[in-house]
N, C-alpha and C. Protein backbone atom coordinates (compact mmCIF):
# COMPACT_ATOMS: atom_id res chain seq x y z
N MET A 1 0.81 -1.20 0.00
CA MET A 1 0.00 0.00 0.00
C MET A 1 0.85 1.27 0.00
N ARG A 2 2.02 1.20 0.65
CA ARG A 2 2.81 2.42 0.72
C ARG A 2 3.39 2.82 -0.63
N TYR A 3 3.44 1.88 -1.61
CA TYR A 3 3.97 2.18 -2.94
C TYR A 3 2.88 2.62 -3.92
N LEU A 4 1.63 2.55 -3.50
CA LEU A 4 0.51 2.88 -4.38
C LEU A 4 0.60 4.30 -4.95
N PRO A 5 0.90 5.34 -4.16
CA PRO A 5 1.02 6.68 -4.76
C PRO A 5 2.12 6.76 -5.82
N THR A 6 3.22 6.07 -5.60
CA THR A 6 4.31 6.07 -6.58
C THR A 6 3.89 5.37 -7.86
N VAL A 7 3.21 4.24 -7.75
CA VAL A 7 2.74 3.51 -8.91
C VAL A 7 1.74 4.35 -9.69
N ILE A 8 0.83 5.01 -9.01
CA ILE A 8 -0.16 5.86 -9.68
C ILE A 8 0.55 7.02 -10.39
N ALA A 9 1.51 7.66 -9.73
CA ALA A 9 2.24 8.77 -10.35
C ALA A 9 2.99 8.30 -11.59
N LEU A 10 3.62 7.12 -11.54
CA LEU A 10 4.32 6.58 -12.71
C LEU A 10 3.35 6.26 -13.83
N ALA A 11 2.18 5.73 -13.52
CA ALA A 11 1.18 5.41 -14.54
C ALA A 11 0.68 6.68 -15.22
N ILE A 12 0.44 7.73 -14.44
CA ILE A 12 -0.02 9.00 -15.02
C ILE A 12 1.08 9.59 -15.90
N SER A 13 2.33 9.55 -15.45
CA SER A 13 3.45 10.06 -16.25
C SER A 13 3.58 9.30 -17.55
N ALA A 14 3.46 7.98 -17.51
CA ALA A 14 3.58 7.16 -18.72
C ALA A 14 2.45 7.48 -19.68
N ALA A 15 1.25 7.68 -19.18
CA ALA A 15 0.11 8.01 -20.04
C ALA A 15 0.31 9.36 -20.71
N ALA A 16 0.87 10.31 -19.97
CA ALA A 16 1.11 11.64 -20.54
C ALA A 16 2.16 11.58 -21.64
N ILE A 17 3.19 10.77 -21.47
CA ILE A 17 4.23 10.64 -22.48
C ILE A 17 3.69 9.95 -23.72
N ALA A 18 2.82 8.95 -23.55
CA ALA A 18 2.29 8.18 -24.67
C ALA A 18 1.16 8.89 -25.39
N ALA A 19 0.59 9.94 -24.78
CA ALA A 19 -0.53 10.64 -25.40
C ALA A 19 -0.07 11.32 -26.67
N PRO A 20 -0.94 11.39 -27.69
CA PRO A 20 -0.55 12.06 -28.93
C PRO A 20 -0.32 13.54 -28.68
N PRO A 21 0.56 14.17 -29.47
CA PRO A 21 0.84 15.58 -29.28
C PRO A 21 -0.43 16.42 -29.51
N ASN A 22 -0.47 17.56 -28.90
CA ASN A 22 -1.60 18.46 -29.02
C ASN A 22 -1.57 19.12 -30.41
N PRO A 23 -2.60 18.89 -31.25
CA PRO A 23 -2.60 19.48 -32.60
C PRO A 23 -2.46 21.00 -32.61
N ALA A 24 -2.86 21.67 -31.53
CA ALA A 24 -2.75 23.12 -31.48
C ALA A 24 -1.29 23.57 -31.46
N THR A 25 -0.39 22.68 -31.09
CA THR A 25 1.03 23.05 -31.02
C THR A 25 1.83 22.59 -32.24
N TRP A 26 1.18 21.91 -33.18
CA TRP A 26 1.88 21.40 -34.36
C TRP A 26 2.35 22.54 -35.26
N LYS A 27 3.48 22.31 -35.90
CA LYS A 27 4.02 23.27 -36.86
C LYS A 27 4.19 22.56 -38.21
N ALA A 28 3.98 23.29 -39.30
CA ALA A 28 4.13 22.72 -40.64
C ALA A 28 5.51 22.09 -40.78
N GLY A 29 5.55 20.87 -41.28
CA GLY A 29 6.80 20.16 -41.48
C GLY A 29 7.20 19.29 -40.29
N GLN A 30 6.52 19.47 -39.17
CA GLN A 30 6.85 18.68 -37.97
C GLN A 30 6.57 17.20 -38.23
N ILE A 31 7.53 16.36 -37.90
CA ILE A 31 7.37 14.91 -38.05
C ILE A 31 6.76 14.36 -36.77
N LEU A 32 5.59 13.75 -36.92
CA LEU A 32 4.88 13.20 -35.76
C LEU A 32 5.31 11.78 -35.45
N SER A 33 5.58 11.00 -36.49
CA SER A 33 6.08 9.64 -36.28
C SER A 33 6.89 9.24 -37.51
N GLN A 34 7.78 8.29 -37.30
CA GLN A 34 8.64 7.82 -38.38
C GLN A 34 9.00 6.37 -38.13
N SER A 35 9.02 5.59 -39.21
CA SER A 35 9.48 4.20 -39.12
C SER A 35 10.40 3.94 -40.30
N SER A 36 11.30 2.99 -40.12
CA SER A 36 12.31 2.71 -41.13
C SER A 36 12.43 1.21 -41.34
N VAL A 37 12.59 0.81 -42.61
CA VAL A 37 12.76 -0.60 -42.96
C VAL A 37 14.07 -0.74 -43.72
N ASP A 38 14.95 -1.60 -43.24
CA ASP A 38 16.24 -1.86 -43.90
C ASP A 38 15.99 -2.70 -45.15
N LEU A 39 16.46 -2.21 -46.30
CA LEU A 39 16.27 -2.91 -47.58
C LEU A 39 17.55 -3.60 -48.05
N GLY A 40 18.63 -3.47 -47.27
CA GLY A 40 19.90 -4.07 -47.65
C GLY A 40 20.75 -3.14 -48.48
N HIS A 41 22.05 -3.42 -48.56
CA HIS A 41 23.02 -2.66 -49.36
C HIS A 41 23.09 -1.19 -48.97
N GLY A 42 22.66 -0.81 -47.76
CA GLY A 42 22.69 0.58 -47.35
C GLY A 42 21.41 1.35 -47.63
N PHE A 43 20.43 0.71 -48.25
CA PHE A 43 19.16 1.36 -48.57
C PHE A 43 18.15 1.13 -47.45
N ARG A 44 17.26 2.12 -47.28
CA ARG A 44 16.16 1.94 -46.33
C ARG A 44 14.96 2.76 -46.79
N SER A 45 13.80 2.24 -46.47
CA SER A 45 12.55 2.93 -46.76
C SER A 45 12.08 3.57 -45.45
N VAL A 46 11.76 4.86 -45.51
CA VAL A 46 11.33 5.60 -44.33
C VAL A 46 9.91 6.11 -44.56
N HIS A 47 9.04 5.86 -43.60
CA HIS A 47 7.65 6.33 -43.66
C HIS A 47 7.47 7.37 -42.57
N ARG A 48 6.91 8.52 -42.95
CA ARG A 48 6.73 9.63 -42.01
C ARG A 48 5.30 10.12 -42.02
N ASP A 49 4.80 10.42 -40.83
CA ASP A 49 3.56 11.16 -40.67
C ASP A 49 4.01 12.57 -40.33
N GLN A 50 3.66 13.52 -41.20
CA GLN A 50 4.22 14.86 -41.09
C GLN A 50 3.11 15.90 -41.23
N VAL A 51 3.20 16.98 -40.45
CA VAL A 51 2.20 18.04 -40.46
C VAL A 51 2.29 18.81 -41.78
N ASN A 52 1.15 18.93 -42.46
CA ASN A 52 1.09 19.70 -43.70
C ASN A 52 0.94 21.19 -43.39
N PRO A 53 1.23 22.05 -44.37
CA PRO A 53 1.08 23.49 -44.17
C PRO A 53 -0.38 23.87 -43.92
N PRO A 54 -0.62 25.01 -43.29
CA PRO A 54 -2.00 25.46 -43.07
C PRO A 54 -2.74 25.58 -44.40
N GLY A 55 -4.01 25.23 -44.37
CA GLY A 55 -4.84 25.32 -45.58
C GLY A 55 -4.81 24.08 -46.45
N HIS A 56 -3.92 23.14 -46.15
CA HIS A 56 -3.87 21.89 -46.92
C HIS A 56 -5.12 21.09 -46.59
N TRP A 57 -5.64 20.34 -47.55
CA TRP A 57 -6.88 19.59 -47.34
C TRP A 57 -6.74 18.51 -46.28
N GLU A 58 -5.50 18.08 -46.00
CA GLU A 58 -5.25 17.04 -45.00
C GLU A 58 -4.26 17.61 -43.99
N GLY A 59 -4.59 17.53 -42.71
CA GLY A 59 -3.73 18.09 -41.68
C GLY A 59 -2.40 17.38 -41.55
N VAL A 60 -2.43 16.05 -41.67
CA VAL A 60 -1.21 15.24 -41.53
C VAL A 60 -1.02 14.44 -42.81
N GLY A 61 0.15 14.57 -43.42
CA GLY A 61 0.48 13.81 -44.62
C GLY A 61 1.23 12.55 -44.25
N HIS A 62 1.10 11.55 -45.08
CA HIS A 62 1.77 10.26 -44.87
C HIS A 62 2.68 10.05 -46.07
N PHE A 63 3.99 10.10 -45.83
CA PHE A 63 4.97 10.11 -46.91
C PHE A 63 5.96 8.97 -46.78
N ALA A 64 6.45 8.51 -47.91
CA ALA A 64 7.47 7.47 -47.95
C ALA A 64 8.68 8.02 -48.69
N TYR A 65 9.86 7.68 -48.20
CA TYR A 65 11.12 8.15 -48.78
C TYR A 65 12.08 6.97 -48.93
N LEU A 66 12.97 7.08 -49.90
CA LEU A 66 14.04 6.11 -50.07
C LEU A 66 15.35 6.79 -49.71
N PHE A 67 16.12 6.15 -48.82
CA PHE A 67 17.41 6.67 -48.40
C PHE A 67 18.51 5.69 -48.80
N TYR A 68 19.67 6.24 -49.12
CA TYR A 68 20.89 5.45 -49.26
C TYR A 68 21.82 5.97 -48.17
N ASN A 69 22.14 5.14 -47.21
CA ASN A 69 22.83 5.57 -46.00
C ASN A 69 22.05 6.73 -45.41
N ASN A 70 22.63 7.91 -45.27
CA ASN A 70 21.89 9.04 -44.71
C ASN A 70 21.42 10.03 -45.78
N ARG A 71 21.54 9.65 -47.04
CA ARG A 71 21.15 10.54 -48.14
C ARG A 71 19.74 10.21 -48.61
N SER A 72 18.88 11.20 -48.61
CA SER A 72 17.52 11.03 -49.11
C SER A 72 17.57 11.06 -50.64
N LEU A 73 17.08 9.98 -51.26
CA LEU A 73 17.11 9.90 -52.73
C LEU A 73 15.81 10.38 -53.35
N CYS A 74 14.70 9.99 -52.76
CA CYS A 74 13.43 10.38 -53.36
C CYS A 74 12.29 10.25 -52.37
N GLN A 75 11.22 10.95 -52.70
CA GLN A 75 9.95 10.73 -52.02
C GLN A 75 9.22 9.74 -52.91
N CYS A 76 9.31 8.46 -52.54
CA CYS A 76 8.72 7.40 -53.36
C CYS A 76 8.44 6.19 -52.49
N SER A 77 7.44 5.45 -52.87
CA SER A 77 7.01 4.27 -52.12
C SER A 77 7.59 3.01 -52.73
N ILE A 78 7.56 1.94 -51.95
CA ILE A 78 7.96 0.63 -52.49
C ILE A 78 7.07 0.35 -53.69
N GLY A 79 7.66 -0.11 -54.76
CA GLY A 79 6.95 -0.30 -56.03
C GLY A 79 7.31 0.79 -57.02
N GLU A 80 7.77 1.94 -56.53
CA GLU A 80 8.19 3.02 -57.39
C GLU A 80 9.70 3.05 -57.57
N PHE A 81 10.38 2.07 -56.97
CA PHE A 81 11.83 1.97 -57.12
C PHE A 81 12.23 0.51 -57.13
N SER A 82 13.46 0.27 -57.63
CA SER A 82 14.02 -1.07 -57.62
C SER A 82 15.52 -0.96 -57.42
N ILE A 83 16.02 -1.75 -56.47
CA ILE A 83 17.44 -1.79 -56.17
C ILE A 83 18.05 -2.94 -56.95
N ALA A 84 19.16 -2.68 -57.63
CA ALA A 84 19.86 -3.72 -58.39
C ALA A 84 20.25 -4.86 -57.45
N PRO A 85 20.28 -6.09 -57.96
CA PRO A 85 20.66 -7.24 -57.12
C PRO A 85 22.01 -7.05 -56.40
N THR A 86 22.96 -6.36 -57.04
CA THR A 86 24.27 -6.14 -56.40
C THR A 86 24.24 -4.96 -55.43
N GLY A 87 23.17 -4.15 -55.48
CA GLY A 87 23.07 -2.96 -54.64
C GLY A 87 23.85 -1.78 -55.18
N GLN A 88 24.40 -1.88 -56.39
CA GLN A 88 25.20 -0.79 -56.95
C GLN A 88 24.37 0.33 -57.58
N PHE A 89 23.11 0.04 -57.88
CA PHE A 89 22.24 1.01 -58.55
C PHE A 89 20.85 0.95 -57.95
N VAL A 90 20.11 2.03 -58.13
CA VAL A 90 18.68 2.03 -57.85
C VAL A 90 18.04 2.91 -58.92
N VAL A 91 16.92 2.46 -59.43
CA VAL A 91 16.15 3.25 -60.39
C VAL A 91 14.81 3.53 -59.71
N PHE A 92 14.31 4.77 -59.88
CA PHE A 92 13.08 5.15 -59.19
C PHE A 92 12.36 6.27 -59.92
N VAL A 93 11.07 6.39 -59.60
CA VAL A 93 10.28 7.53 -60.05
C VAL A 93 10.15 8.45 -58.85
N ASP A 94 10.67 9.66 -58.97
CA ASP A 94 10.58 10.62 -57.89
C ASP A 94 9.16 11.14 -57.78
N GLY A 95 8.59 11.06 -56.58
CA GLY A 95 7.19 11.44 -56.36
C GLY A 95 6.84 12.84 -56.80
N PRO A 96 7.45 13.88 -56.24
CA PRO A 96 7.04 15.24 -56.60
C PRO A 96 7.30 15.62 -58.06
N SER A 97 8.44 15.21 -58.61
CA SER A 97 8.78 15.62 -59.98
C SER A 97 8.28 14.65 -61.04
N GLY A 98 8.12 13.37 -60.68
CA GLY A 98 7.71 12.36 -61.64
C GLY A 98 8.83 11.86 -62.52
N LYS A 99 10.04 12.38 -62.34
CA LYS A 99 11.18 11.98 -63.18
C LYS A 99 11.60 10.55 -62.89
N LEU A 100 11.98 9.83 -63.95
CA LEU A 100 12.59 8.51 -63.80
C LEU A 100 14.08 8.76 -63.58
N MET A 101 14.61 8.27 -62.46
CA MET A 101 15.97 8.57 -62.05
C MET A 101 16.79 7.30 -61.86
N LEU A 102 18.11 7.43 -62.04
CA LEU A 102 19.06 6.35 -61.79
C LEU A 102 20.12 6.89 -60.83
N PHE A 103 20.38 6.12 -59.76
CA PHE A 103 21.39 6.51 -58.78
C PHE A 103 22.47 5.44 -58.76
N HIS A 104 23.76 5.90 -58.83
CA HIS A 104 24.92 5.02 -58.76
C HIS A 104 25.50 5.12 -57.34
N THR A 105 25.52 4.02 -56.60
CA THR A 105 26.02 4.08 -55.23
C THR A 105 27.52 4.35 -55.17
N SER A 106 28.28 3.84 -56.12
CA SER A 106 29.74 3.99 -56.06
C SER A 106 30.18 5.44 -56.25
N SER A 107 29.51 6.16 -57.13
CA SER A 107 29.90 7.56 -57.41
C SER A 107 29.02 8.57 -56.68
N GLY A 108 27.86 8.13 -56.23
CA GLY A 108 26.92 9.06 -55.61
C GLY A 108 26.19 9.92 -56.63
N GLN A 109 26.39 9.61 -57.93
CA GLN A 109 25.76 10.38 -59.00
C GLN A 109 24.31 9.96 -59.20
N MET A 110 23.48 10.96 -59.45
CA MET A 110 22.08 10.72 -59.76
C MET A 110 21.81 11.37 -61.13
N GLN A 111 21.14 10.63 -62.00
CA GLN A 111 20.85 11.19 -63.31
C GLN A 111 19.38 10.98 -63.66
N ALA A 112 18.81 11.99 -64.31
CA ALA A 112 17.44 11.90 -64.78
C ALA A 112 17.45 11.09 -66.08
N VAL A 113 16.71 9.98 -66.09
CA VAL A 113 16.60 9.15 -67.29
C VAL A 113 15.51 9.70 -68.19
N ARG A 114 14.43 10.18 -67.59
CA ARG A 114 13.34 10.84 -68.30
C ARG A 114 13.01 12.11 -67.53
N PRO A 115 12.91 13.25 -68.23
CA PRO A 115 12.73 14.53 -67.55
C PRO A 115 11.33 14.78 -66.99
N ARG A 116 10.35 13.97 -67.39
CA ARG A 116 8.99 14.16 -66.88
C ARG A 116 8.30 12.80 -66.69
N PHE A 117 7.16 12.86 -66.09
CA PHE A 117 6.43 11.65 -65.73
C PHE A 117 6.10 10.80 -66.96
N VAL A 118 6.42 9.51 -66.88
CA VAL A 118 6.10 8.57 -67.96
C VAL A 118 4.95 7.67 -67.54
N GLY A 119 4.99 7.20 -66.32
CA GLY A 119 3.94 6.32 -65.82
C GLY A 119 4.35 5.71 -64.50
N ILE A 120 3.49 4.84 -64.00
CA ILE A 120 3.74 4.14 -62.74
C ILE A 120 4.43 2.82 -63.07
N PRO A 121 5.60 2.57 -62.49
CA PRO A 121 6.32 1.33 -62.81
C PRO A 121 5.52 0.09 -62.42
N GLU A 122 5.52 -0.87 -63.33
CA GLU A 122 4.90 -2.16 -63.06
C GLU A 122 5.95 -3.20 -62.70
N SER A 123 7.09 -3.14 -63.41
CA SER A 123 8.15 -4.11 -63.13
C SER A 123 9.51 -3.54 -63.55
N PHE A 124 10.53 -4.14 -62.95
CA PHE A 124 11.91 -3.77 -63.24
C PHE A 124 12.66 -5.07 -63.52
N ALA A 125 13.37 -5.15 -64.65
CA ALA A 125 14.14 -6.35 -64.99
C ALA A 125 15.61 -5.95 -65.12
N TRP A 126 16.41 -6.41 -64.16
CA TRP A 126 17.83 -6.05 -64.11
C TRP A 126 18.69 -7.04 -64.89
N ASP A 127 19.64 -6.51 -65.67
CA ASP A 127 20.68 -7.32 -66.29
C ASP A 127 21.98 -6.51 -66.15
N GLU A 128 22.56 -6.59 -64.96
CA GLU A 128 23.77 -5.80 -64.69
C GLU A 128 24.95 -6.26 -65.53
N ALA A 129 25.00 -7.56 -65.85
CA ALA A 129 26.11 -8.08 -66.67
C ALA A 129 26.10 -7.41 -68.05
N GLN A 130 24.91 -7.17 -68.59
CA GLN A 130 24.80 -6.51 -69.90
C GLN A 130 24.71 -4.98 -69.75
N GLY A 131 24.56 -4.49 -68.51
CA GLY A 131 24.59 -3.05 -68.25
C GLY A 131 23.28 -2.31 -68.44
N PHE A 132 22.14 -2.94 -68.10
CA PHE A 132 20.87 -2.23 -68.23
C PHE A 132 19.82 -2.75 -67.26
N VAL A 133 18.79 -1.95 -67.09
CA VAL A 133 17.57 -2.33 -66.40
C VAL A 133 16.41 -1.91 -67.29
N ARG A 134 15.42 -2.78 -67.44
CA ARG A 134 14.25 -2.46 -68.25
C ARG A 134 13.09 -2.18 -67.30
N VAL A 135 12.48 -1.00 -67.47
CA VAL A 135 11.36 -0.57 -66.64
C VAL A 135 10.10 -0.65 -67.49
N THR A 136 9.13 -1.42 -67.02
CA THR A 136 7.83 -1.54 -67.69
C THR A 136 6.81 -0.79 -66.85
N PHE A 137 5.90 -0.09 -67.51
CA PHE A 137 4.93 0.76 -66.83
C PHE A 137 3.52 0.21 -66.97
N TYR A 138 2.70 0.47 -65.94
CA TYR A 138 1.28 0.14 -66.04
C TYR A 138 0.68 0.99 -67.15
N GLN A 139 -0.29 0.46 -67.83
CA GLN A 139 -0.95 1.19 -68.91
C GLN A 139 -2.24 1.83 -68.39
N ASN A 140 -2.52 3.03 -68.87
CA ASN A 140 -3.77 3.74 -68.58
C ASN A 140 -4.01 3.99 -67.10
N LEU A 141 -2.96 4.21 -66.33
CA LEU A 141 -3.13 4.54 -64.91
C LEU A 141 -2.63 5.95 -64.65
N GLY A 142 -3.33 6.65 -63.82
CA GLY A 142 -2.90 8.00 -63.45
C GLY A 142 -2.80 8.90 -64.66
N ASN A 143 -1.82 9.76 -64.66
CA ASN A 143 -1.62 10.70 -65.76
C ASN A 143 -0.53 10.24 -66.72
N GLY A 144 -0.13 8.98 -66.61
CA GLY A 144 0.90 8.46 -67.50
C GLY A 144 0.39 8.30 -68.91
N HIS A 145 1.29 8.08 -69.82
CA HIS A 145 0.90 7.86 -71.21
C HIS A 145 0.13 6.55 -71.29
N PRO A 146 -0.98 6.52 -72.04
CA PRO A 146 -1.80 5.31 -72.10
C PRO A 146 -1.07 4.12 -72.72
N ASN A 147 -0.08 4.36 -73.53
CA ASN A 147 0.66 3.27 -74.15
C ASN A 147 2.16 3.44 -73.91
N ALA A 148 2.51 3.69 -72.65
CA ALA A 148 3.93 3.90 -72.31
C ALA A 148 4.72 2.65 -72.64
N LYS A 149 5.75 2.83 -73.42
CA LYS A 149 6.62 1.72 -73.81
C LYS A 149 7.63 1.46 -72.70
N PRO A 150 8.09 0.22 -72.56
CA PRO A 150 9.16 -0.04 -71.59
C PRO A 150 10.37 0.81 -71.92
N ILE A 151 11.10 1.19 -70.90
CA ILE A 151 12.29 2.01 -71.06
C ILE A 151 13.49 1.20 -70.62
N THR A 152 14.49 1.12 -71.48
CA THR A 152 15.75 0.45 -71.13
C THR A 152 16.72 1.51 -70.65
N VAL A 153 17.17 1.36 -69.42
CA VAL A 153 18.06 2.33 -68.80
C VAL A 153 19.46 1.75 -68.79
N SER A 154 20.42 2.48 -69.38
CA SER A 154 21.80 2.06 -69.39
C SER A 154 22.42 2.33 -68.03
N LEU A 155 23.21 1.38 -67.54
CA LEU A 155 23.88 1.51 -66.26
C LEU A 155 25.30 2.05 -66.43
N ARG A 156 25.68 2.34 -67.65
CA ARG A 156 27.06 2.79 -67.93
C ARG A 156 27.15 4.25 -68.22
């Protein structure tokens, strides 16, 4: 019985810490929660719940990012990127710009393969020995071209 006040105080403190933050104190860009999944070869997928700017139709945005070590490569979800089997390259569609991009891990170089949105990737077929990856796109989805042809991306 003599420990009851201490136990109650600890329970109240724990509940206060676990309670969600007060929306009245949120600031645009504030990260409310974040989780990370290791994808191997130094890559990881990070999911963030982040406060949107005032006037946005949704108060909290839910975003996914691809990182290589501590470098943010793109705002893109799983399915919008593919890591080469060796981990030396990644090809992705950048969310905000829609550009098809290729990143070389050895040089840290990033290059735009297509300057504007082509479509939503359906599959990626890697042939590093021959020096390319073939990206196939879903047809008639979103604002992509209705008959988007597969794109062969040179790795050299």
